Amino acid sequence: MLEAIAFWIEKPGVGALRLEHLPPINEGDVLVNTLFTGVSRGTEASVFGGHVPDSERERMRAPFQAGDFPGPVKYGYLNIGVVDTGPDSLVGSTVFTLYPHQSAFVVPATAVTPVPHDIPPRRAVLAGAVETAINVLWDAAPMLGDRISVVGAGMIGCCVARLARGIPGVSVTLVDVDPARKVVADQLGVSFSDAAHAPADRDIVINTSGSGSGLQLALETVVTDGTVIEASWYGDRQATLMLGADFHSRRLTIRSSQVGAVAPSRRGSRTTHDRLLLALELLRDPAFDALLTGESSWRALPEVMASLADGSRTDLCHTIDWRDAA
């Protein structure tokens, strides 16, 4: 019987590694040996801290989640591995799977997506983040020559900024409270501003900061009659806004965006699989390597997750190396 090592959240704030028996490999299944997983810091920190509201526990389930919120639960969805057993067309392929942090796993072959050969496996971990950024921009619908600000230079914000800069005539500014994020903005080819000096009169402002103050700044810096795209997820935390002052006189709009479903503007013509394939194609851009700012062995995953959740570790995308876990 095959076994694998998996990361579980035993209870809010406490993670542990468990040894698990894998199910039989049936016809139409694949056995995948994991190379890397990525930590989606915003969402996974909320899950690790037990901040999933009761009302969202079903909607927040990851495709191959085991257990239930707040714990014990096995959660995650950024997994790059190699197919060990399965259909001949997939054996030996590097694949992306919406699977939690685990050294090996068995899933239907339809659940894995081959990664293009010219994309490094570690970079491919960002597929989920780029897919989210695609959905955000489908919701934002930028036009030629737009002035765009992205508030929050985290993993999602940086992906949004890099994709938006490719639109002709568009100027993109990443806004963050941490001046050190300018280094990443430079690598992504976009402008940077601290929050105190964020540019005003922006045609589109996208908030990915995960903070009420970031959303407030977005409202203050978007044009009159403008729309702010709220791409943060707050879990059970409150966001306090000043909706007096000029919020009504300037007729501002806040529109939510999230990756669970394809944006309404593309829902009739694109599937979630189409969106993922596009994300993988876009990851041929080596600039995305700037987001891979931390890496640890699977052995350190309980400590790494705790430090990402409490803010003592501030990596954009922290990857977990499983290559010696077989």
Protein backbone atom coordinates (compact mmCIF):
# COMPACT_ATOMS: atom_id res chain seq x y z
CA MET A 1 0.00 0.00 0.00
CA LEU A 2 1.38 3.39 -1.02
CA GLU A 3 1.86 6.09 1.61
CA ALA A 4 2.32 9.85 1.50
CA ILE A 5 3.16 12.71 3.84
CA ALA A 6 0.47 15.37 4.17
CA PHE A 7 0.15 18.68 6.00
CA TRP A 8 -2.92 19.10 8.19
CA ILE A 9 -4.22 22.00 10.23
CA GLU A 10 -5.05 20.19 13.45
CA LYS A 11 -6.79 23.22 14.95
CA PRO A 12 -6.52 26.98 14.37
CA GLY A 13 -2.86 27.98 14.59
CA VAL A 14 -1.49 24.42 14.84
CA GLY A 15 -0.23 22.41 11.86
CA ALA A 16 1.27 18.92 11.68
CA LEU A 17 2.58 16.39 9.18
CA ARG A 18 0.70 13.10 8.91
CA LEU A 19 1.45 9.81 7.16
CA GLU A 20 -1.48 8.75 4.97
CA HIS A 21 -2.39 5.66 2.96
CA LEU A 22 -3.17 6.43 -0.67
CA PRO A 23 -6.27 4.94 -2.30
CA PRO A 24 -5.98 2.32 -5.07
CA ILE A 25 -5.09 3.61 -8.53
CA ASN A 26 -8.08 2.77 -10.71
CA GLU A 27 -8.45 3.05 -14.46
CA GLY A 28 -8.59 6.71 -15.38
CA ASP A 29 -6.61 7.77 -12.30
CA VAL A 30 -3.09 9.15 -12.00
CA LEU A 31 -0.52 8.85 -9.23
CA VAL A 32 1.36 12.14 -8.90
CA ASN A 33 4.60 12.66 -7.00
CA THR A 34 4.73 16.26 -5.79
CA LEU A 35 7.68 18.49 -6.69
CA PHE A 36 6.54 21.80 -5.19
CA THR A 37 3.52 23.27 -3.48
CA GLY A 38 2.88 26.95 -2.98
CA VAL A 39 1.32 28.73 -0.03
CA SER A 40 -1.45 31.12 -1.02
CA ARG A 41 -0.62 33.35 1.91
CA GLY A 42 -3.76 35.46 2.20
CA THR A 43 -6.30 32.65 2.00
CA GLU A 44 -4.21 29.95 3.67
CA ALA A 45 -3.26 32.26 6.54
CA SER A 46 -6.97 32.85 7.15
CA VAL A 47 -7.66 29.12 7.03
CA PHE A 48 -4.70 28.36 9.30
CA GLY A 49 -5.92 30.92 11.83
CA GLY A 50 -9.47 29.55 11.81
CA HIS A 51 -10.95 32.66 10.20
CA VAL A 52 -13.35 31.04 7.72
CA PRO A 53 -16.86 32.29 8.60
CA ASP A 54 -19.53 29.65 9.22
CA SER A 55 -21.48 30.94 6.22
CA GLU A 56 -18.53 30.32 3.86
CA ARG A 57 -17.36 26.90 4.99
CA GLU A 58 -18.90 25.05 2.06
CA ARG A 59 -18.04 27.67 -0.58
CA MET A 60 -14.45 27.83 0.67
CA ARG A 61 -13.78 24.12 0.31
CA ALA A 62 -10.78 23.35 -1.90
CA PRO A 63 -11.38 20.71 -4.63
CA PHE A 64 -9.47 17.94 -2.79
CA GLN A 65 -9.82 19.20 0.76
CA ALA A 66 -10.11 16.63 3.52
CA GLY A 67 -11.71 17.41 6.85
CA ASP A 68 -13.71 20.50 7.69
CA PHE A 69 -13.08 24.05 8.87
CA PRO A 70 -11.79 25.08 11.32
CA GLY A 71 -9.94 21.74 11.70
CA PRO A 72 -8.64 19.17 11.44
CA VAL A 73 -8.47 20.07 7.76
CA LYS A 74 -6.11 19.39 4.86
CA TYR A 75 -6.22 22.48 2.68
CA GLY A 76 -4.34 23.90 -0.31
CA TYR A 77 -4.53 24.18 -4.09
CA LEU A 78 -1.13 25.04 -5.61
CA ASN A 79 0.54 21.73 -6.43
CA ILE A 80 3.13 20.89 -9.10
CA GLY A 81 4.10 17.26 -9.53
CA VAL A 82 5.10 14.55 -11.98
CA VAL A 83 2.73 11.79 -13.09
CA ASP A 84 4.18 8.45 -12.00
CA THR A 85 1.34 6.14 -12.99
CA GLY A 86 -1.62 6.64 -15.30
CA PRO A 87 -2.46 7.01 -18.98
CA ASP A 88 0.57 6.76 -21.27
CA SER A 89 -0.08 10.29 -22.54
CA LEU A 90 0.47 11.69 -19.04
CA VAL A 91 3.17 9.49 -17.47
CA GLY A 92 6.30 11.56 -16.93
CA SER A 93 4.45 14.86 -17.44
CA THR A 94 4.79 17.77 -15.05
CA VAL A 95 1.27 18.77 -14.00
CA PHE A 96 -0.58 21.40 -12.01
CA THR A 97 -3.28 20.15 -9.64
CA LEU A 98 -5.58 21.93 -7.21
CA TYR A 99 -4.33 19.63 -4.46
CA PRO A 100 -3.23 20.33 -0.86
CA HIS A 101 0.30 20.06 0.54
CA GLN A 102 1.10 16.35 0.17
CA SER A 103 4.07 14.34 -1.12
CA ALA A 104 2.01 12.12 -3.47
CA PHE A 105 -1.66 11.65 -4.31
CA VAL A 106 -4.13 9.82 -6.53
CA VAL A 107 -6.74 11.77 -8.49
CA PRO A 108 -8.72 11.36 -11.71
CA ALA A 109 -6.58 12.14 -14.77
CA THR A 110 -9.05 14.89 -15.66
CA ALA A 111 -8.00 16.78 -12.49
CA VAL A 112 -4.42 17.42 -13.65
CA THR A 113 -3.26 19.98 -16.21
CA PRO A 114 0.09 19.49 -17.99
CA VAL A 115 2.58 22.32 -17.59
CA PRO A 116 4.28 23.52 -20.80
CA HIS A 117 7.79 22.09 -21.07
CA ASP A 118 9.49 25.48 -21.13
CA ILE A 119 8.05 26.64 -17.79
CA PRO A 120 10.17 25.78 -14.71
CA PRO A 121 8.15 23.64 -12.26
CA ARG A 122 8.67 26.01 -9.32
CA ARG A 123 7.38 28.98 -11.33
CA ALA A 124 4.35 26.92 -12.36
CA VAL A 125 3.20 26.95 -8.72
CA LEU A 126 2.03 30.51 -9.50
CA ALA A 127 -0.63 29.22 -11.92
CA GLY A 128 -3.38 29.70 -9.35
CA ALA A 129 -2.29 33.28 -8.62
CA VAL A 130 -2.07 34.19 -12.31
CA GLU A 131 -5.48 32.60 -12.87
CA THR A 132 -6.88 34.82 -10.11
CA ALA A 133 -5.24 37.87 -11.71
CA ILE A 134 -6.83 37.02 -15.06
CA ASN A 135 -10.25 36.93 -13.43
CA VAL A 136 -9.61 40.24 -11.67
CA LEU A 137 -8.70 41.92 -14.95
CA TRP A 138 -11.72 40.39 -16.68
CA ASP A 139 -13.80 42.01 -13.94
CA ALA A 140 -11.91 45.31 -14.14
CA ALA A 141 -12.06 45.48 -17.96
CA PRO A 142 -9.18 47.94 -18.48
CA MET A 143 -9.02 49.91 -21.71
CA LEU A 144 -6.17 51.23 -23.84
CA GLY A 145 -4.34 54.04 -22.09
CA ASP A 146 -5.91 53.50 -18.67
CA ARG A 147 -4.13 54.57 -15.50
CA ILE A 148 -4.33 51.66 -13.07
CA SER A 149 -3.29 51.37 -9.44
CA VAL A 150 -3.02 48.04 -7.64
CA VAL A 151 -3.14 48.51 -3.87
CA GLY A 152 -1.25 45.73 -2.11
CA ALA A 153 1.97 44.34 -3.60
CA GLY A 154 1.37 40.77 -2.51
CA MET A 155 1.32 37.71 -4.75
CA ILE A 156 -2.06 38.49 -6.36
CA GLY A 157 -1.43 42.22 -6.66
CA CYS A 158 1.93 41.65 -8.33
CA CYS A 159 0.40 39.19 -10.81
CA VAL A 160 -2.37 41.68 -11.65
CA ALA A 161 0.20 44.45 -12.16
CA ARG A 162 2.42 42.37 -14.44
CA LEU A 163 -0.48 41.30 -16.65
CA ALA A 164 -2.02 44.78 -16.82
CA ARG A 165 1.24 46.39 -17.94
CA GLY A 166 1.04 44.40 -21.18
CA ILE A 167 -2.00 46.35 -22.37
CA PRO A 168 -0.88 49.09 -24.82
CA GLY A 169 -0.75 52.56 -23.31
CA VAL A 170 -1.64 51.40 -19.81
CA SER A 171 0.36 52.75 -16.87
CA VAL A 172 0.40 50.61 -13.73
CA THR A 173 1.41 51.62 -10.22
CA LEU A 174 1.81 49.14 -7.38
CA VAL A 175 0.97 50.75 -4.03
CA ASP A 176 2.13 49.26 -0.75
CA VAL A 177 2.96 50.30 2.81
CA ASP A 178 6.28 48.44 2.59
CA PRO A 179 8.84 50.47 0.61
CA ALA A 180 10.89 47.31 0.05
CA ARG A 181 8.22 46.17 -2.43
CA LYS A 182 9.66 48.71 -4.91
CA VAL A 183 12.33 46.15 -5.74
CA VAL A 184 9.67 43.70 -6.93
CA ALA A 185 7.77 46.44 -8.80
CA ASP A 186 10.96 47.29 -10.67
CA GLN A 187 11.43 43.64 -11.62
CA LEU A 188 7.84 43.52 -12.87
CA GLY A 189 8.30 46.65 -14.97
CA VAL A 190 5.69 48.79 -13.17
CA SER A 191 5.82 51.94 -11.09
CA PHE A 192 5.74 51.90 -7.30
CA SER A 193 4.32 54.25 -4.69
CA ASP A 194 4.01 54.13 -0.94
CA ALA A 195 0.51 54.57 0.40
CA ALA A 196 1.10 58.17 1.53
CA HIS A 197 1.92 59.28 -2.02
CA ALA A 198 -0.42 57.09 -4.08
CA PRO A 199 -1.38 58.76 -7.37
CA ALA A 200 -4.91 60.13 -7.69
CA ASP A 201 -7.48 60.15 -10.50
CA ARG A 202 -6.80 56.57 -11.50
CA ASP A 203 -9.19 55.09 -14.06
CA ILE A 204 -9.19 51.74 -12.24
CA VAL A 205 -8.00 50.88 -8.74
CA ILE A 206 -7.75 47.25 -7.69
CA ASN A 207 -7.42 46.45 -3.99
CA THR A 208 -5.54 43.26 -3.15
CA SER A 209 -4.16 44.45 0.19
CA GLY A 210 -6.54 42.48 2.42
CA SER A 211 -7.06 45.60 4.55
CA GLY A 212 -9.83 48.12 5.03
CA SER A 213 -7.28 50.93 4.85
CA GLY A 214 -6.20 49.66 1.44
CA LEU A 215 -9.79 49.68 0.21
CA GLN A 216 -10.28 53.18 1.63
CA LEU A 217 -7.17 54.37 -0.23
CA ALA A 218 -8.54 52.82 -3.42
CA LEU A 219 -11.76 54.82 -3.05
CA GLU A 220 -9.81 58.01 -2.44
CA THR A 221 -7.62 57.62 -5.52
CA VAL A 222 -10.06 56.41 -8.19
CA VAL A 223 -11.61 58.91 -10.65
CA THR A 224 -15.08 60.36 -10.18
CA ASP A 225 -17.68 57.83 -11.38
CA GLY A 226 -14.91 55.24 -11.07
CA THR A 227 -15.00 51.63 -9.96
CA VAL A 228 -12.81 49.98 -7.37
CA ILE A 229 -12.28 46.25 -7.79
CA GLU A 230 -12.10 44.55 -4.39
CA ALA A 231 -10.05 41.39 -4.81
CA SER A 232 -9.19 40.85 -1.13
CA TRP A 233 -10.82 38.20 1.02
CA TYR A 234 -11.26 39.17 4.65
CA GLY A 235 -12.52 35.91 6.12
CA ASP A 236 -14.28 36.77 9.38
CA ARG A 237 -12.48 40.12 9.77
CA GLN A 238 -14.33 43.41 9.40
CA ALA A 239 -13.32 46.17 7.00
CA THR A 240 -14.29 49.67 8.11
CA LEU A 241 -14.81 52.34 5.43
CA MET A 242 -15.60 56.04 5.35
CA LEU A 243 -18.59 56.15 3.03
CA GLY A 244 -19.44 59.76 3.86
CA ALA A 245 -17.42 62.65 2.45
CA ASP A 246 -17.42 62.43 -1.35
CA PHE A 247 -18.27 58.74 -1.78
CA HIS A 248 -21.81 59.52 -2.97
CA SER A 249 -21.17 62.84 -4.69
CA ARG A 250 -18.45 61.21 -6.81
CA ARG A 251 -20.71 58.21 -7.46
CA LEU A 252 -18.09 55.60 -6.70
CA THR A 253 -18.59 51.85 -7.11
CA ILE A 254 -17.04 48.91 -5.27
CA ARG A 255 -17.20 45.63 -7.18
CA SER A 256 -16.06 42.30 -5.73
CA SER A 257 -13.89 39.88 -7.66
CA GLN A 258 -12.86 36.32 -6.78
CA VAL A 259 -11.61 33.27 -8.60
CA GLY A 260 -14.27 30.72 -7.64
CA ALA A 261 -16.23 31.34 -10.85
CA VAL A 262 -15.27 32.82 -14.21
CA ALA A 263 -15.94 36.56 -14.36
CA PRO A 264 -19.45 37.34 -15.70
CA SER A 265 -18.04 39.07 -18.78
CA ARG A 266 -16.42 35.77 -19.90
CA ARG A 267 -18.67 33.19 -18.29
CA GLY A 268 -20.49 32.42 -21.51
CA SER A 269 -17.33 31.85 -23.53
CA ARG A 270 -14.64 30.58 -21.12
CA THR A 271 -14.49 27.73 -18.64
CA THR A 272 -12.33 27.54 -15.53
CA HIS A 273 -10.13 25.10 -17.47
CA ASP A 274 -9.72 27.64 -20.30
CA ARG A 275 -8.70 30.21 -17.70
CA LEU A 276 -6.12 27.87 -16.15
CA LEU A 277 -4.62 27.05 -19.57
CA LEU A 278 -4.28 30.77 -20.25
CA ALA A 279 -2.57 31.26 -16.88
CA LEU A 280 -0.02 28.56 -17.68
CA GLU A 281 0.69 30.11 -21.07
CA LEU A 282 1.27 33.50 -19.46
CA LEU A 283 3.74 31.94 -17.02
CA ARG A 284 6.25 31.67 -19.86
CA ASP A 285 7.12 35.22 -18.75
CA PRO A 286 10.28 34.91 -16.58
CA ALA A 287 9.41 38.14 -14.74
CA PHE A 288 7.10 36.06 -12.52
CA ASP A 289 10.19 34.53 -10.90
CA ALA A 290 10.43 37.78 -8.91
CA LEU A 291 7.48 36.56 -6.84
CA LEU A 292 9.22 33.37 -5.69
CA THR A 293 10.78 34.92 -2.61
CA GLY A 294 10.93 32.00 -0.19
CA GLU A 295 11.40 28.23 -0.18
CA SER A 296 11.48 25.55 2.51
CA SER A 297 11.60 21.81 2.84
CA TRP A 298 8.33 20.02 3.50
CA ARG A 299 9.74 19.14 6.93
CA ALA A 300 9.46 22.80 7.99
CA LEU A 301 5.91 23.29 6.70
CA PRO A 302 4.18 23.49 10.12
CA GLU A 303 6.56 26.24 11.26
CA VAL A 304 6.49 28.01 7.90
CA MET A 305 2.70 28.14 7.81
CA ALA A 306 2.59 29.53 11.34
CA SER A 307 5.11 32.26 10.52
CA LEU A 308 3.28 33.24 7.32
CA ALA A 309 0.00 33.41 9.23
CA ASP A 310 1.32 35.58 12.06
CA GLY A 311 3.12 37.94 9.69
CA SER A 312 6.66 37.24 10.91
CA ARG A 313 7.45 35.87 7.42
CA THR A 314 6.43 38.17 4.54
CA ASP A 315 7.27 36.22 1.40
CA LEU A 316 5.23 36.94 -1.71
CA CYS A 317 5.05 33.27 -2.70
CA HIS A 318 6.64 30.70 -0.40
CA THR A 319 7.18 27.36 -2.09
CA ILE A 320 7.56 23.99 -0.38
CA ASP A 321 10.05 21.50 -1.83
CA TRP A 322 8.82 17.88 -1.71
CA ARG A 323 11.40 16.31 -4.02
CA ASP A 324 13.07 14.24 -1.30
CA ALA A 325 9.84 13.11 0.35
CA ALA A 326 9.40 9.97 -1.74
